[in-house]
Protein backbone atom coordinates (compact mmCIF):
# COMPACT_ATOMS: atom_id res chain seq x y z
CA MET A 1 0.00 0.20 0.02
CA THR A 2 1.01 3.29 -0.53
CA ILE A 3 -0.23 6.30 1.92
CA ASN A 4 1.47 10.01 0.04
CA MET A 5 2.59 12.48 2.62
CA ASN A 6 2.18 15.70 2.59
CA ASP A 7 3.86 18.01 5.01
CA THR A 8 3.71 21.31 3.59
CA HIS A 9 1.05 23.20 6.54
CA ILE A 10 4.01 22.67 9.06
CA ASN A 11 5.56 25.36 8.56
CA THR A 12 6.59 27.39 11.90
CA ILE A 13 9.49 25.56 14.20
CA ALA A 14 6.41 26.45 16.30
CA GLN A 15 4.53 23.95 14.28
CA LEU A 16 7.37 21.26 14.14
CA THR A 17 8.38 21.14 17.69
CA ASP A 18 3.67 20.17 18.54
CA PHE A 19 4.57 17.58 15.64
CA LEU A 20 7.49 16.51 17.23
CA LYS A 21 6.16 15.99 20.66
CA THR A 22 2.55 14.28 19.13
CA GLY A 23 4.48 12.02 16.33
CA LYS A 24 6.74 9.56 17.82
CA ASN A 25 5.17 6.50 16.29
CA ILE A 26 5.05 8.69 12.45
CA ASN A 27 7.17 7.35 10.22
CA PHE A 28 8.52 7.72 6.33
CA GLN A 29 9.74 4.94 4.03
CA ALA A 30 10.39 5.94 1.18
CA GLN A 31 10.33 4.42 -2.25
CA SER A 32 13.63 5.53 -3.44
CA ARG A 33 17.35 6.89 -1.86
CA GLY A 34 15.92 9.88 -4.85
CA GLU A 35 12.81 10.44 -3.16
CA SER A 36 14.14 10.36 0.21
CA TYR A 37 16.99 13.26 -0.74
CA GLU A 38 14.69 15.36 -2.73
CA TRP A 39 11.77 14.97 0.34
CA ILE A 40 15.12 16.61 2.74
CA THR A 41 16.10 18.41 0.50
CA GLU A 42 11.96 20.81 0.29
CA VAL A 43 12.11 20.14 4.75
CA LEU A 44 15.24 22.34 4.14
CA CYS A 45 14.72 24.85 2.24
CA ARG A 46 11.16 24.92 3.18
CA PHE A 47 12.44 25.52 6.84
CA LYS A 48 15.42 28.07 5.49
CA TYR A 49 17.65 25.31 7.35
CA PHE A 50 20.77 26.92 6.78
CA LYS A 51 19.97 30.30 8.40
CA LEU A 52 18.10 29.34 11.33
CA LYS A 53 19.57 29.02 14.81
CA ARG A 54 21.55 26.48 16.04
CA LYS A 55 18.54 25.24 18.71
CA ASP A 56 15.57 25.08 15.91
CA LYS A 57 18.76 23.67 13.28
CA ARG A 58 18.25 20.94 15.47
CA VAL A 59 14.60 20.67 15.36
CA VAL A 60 14.66 20.36 11.53
CA LYS A 61 16.90 17.56 11.76
CA ASP A 62 15.21 15.54 14.72
CA TYR A 63 12.00 15.49 12.04
CA ILE A 64 14.06 14.52 9.26
CA GLU A 65 16.36 11.92 11.18
CA MET A 66 12.44 10.73 12.35
CA MET A 67 10.57 11.03 9.43
CA SER A 68 12.93 9.27 7.37
CA GLY A 69 14.31 6.23 9.89
CA TYR A 70 17.49 8.22 8.71
CA SER A 71 20.65 7.94 12.24
CA ARG A 72 21.86 11.68 13.26
CA SER A 73 25.12 11.06 11.60
CA GLN A 74 22.85 9.60 7.88
CA ALA A 75 21.00 12.63 8.62
CA THR A 76 24.49 15.47 8.78
CA ARG A 77 25.79 14.01 6.14
CA LEU A 78 22.63 14.46 3.64
CA ILE A 79 22.28 17.97 5.33
CA PHE A 80 26.21 18.18 4.80
CA LEU A 81 26.24 17.42 1.22
CA GLN A 82 23.00 19.75 1.06
CA LYS A 83 25.64 22.62 1.77
CA THR A 84 28.70 22.45 0.49
CA LYS A 85 26.79 20.76 -2.89
CA GLY A 86 23.84 21.22 -3.34
CA GLU A 87 22.28 18.47 -3.81
CA MET A 88 22.33 15.77 -1.98
CA ASN A 89 24.18 12.62 -5.10
CA TYR A 90 26.58 9.47 -3.59
CA PRO A 91 28.59 8.79 -5.99
CA ALA A 92 27.34 5.03 -6.79
CA ALA A 93 29.08 2.21 -5.43
CA SER A 94 32.71 1.43 -7.62
CA GLY A 95 33.30 -2.61 -6.34
CA ARG A 96 35.40 -3.85 -3.34
CA GLY A 97 37.83 -1.11 -4.84
CA ILE A 98 40.28 -3.90 -5.49
CA GLN A 99 42.66 -3.40 -8.48
CA LEU A 100 43.47 -6.56 -10.16
CA VAL A 101 47.14 -6.19 -11.38
CA LYS A 102 48.73 -8.69 -14.44
CA LEU A 103 52.14 -9.87 -13.47
CA ALA A 104 54.53 -10.77 -15.22
């Protein structure tokens, strides 16, 4: 079953704080990694994350962690990627990183 989530009505840090207090058992499962990254980017832009004070950033980050299921360190890495690169794209895995060398 697919349920679409619409959280665009949450526009202030106060509303977000209230939601975090009441929505402890709510979880968001994205269809793909790209969809999850898109949602996180939208949340960061909606709340102007990079212009917030530290206390308010913590609230937004808690919301992202709760809804996405990402750990604190994963959320931190994704936010850092958004800030530095302007996007959240991890390079595709390149195997085990082992190069085969032909010996003569």
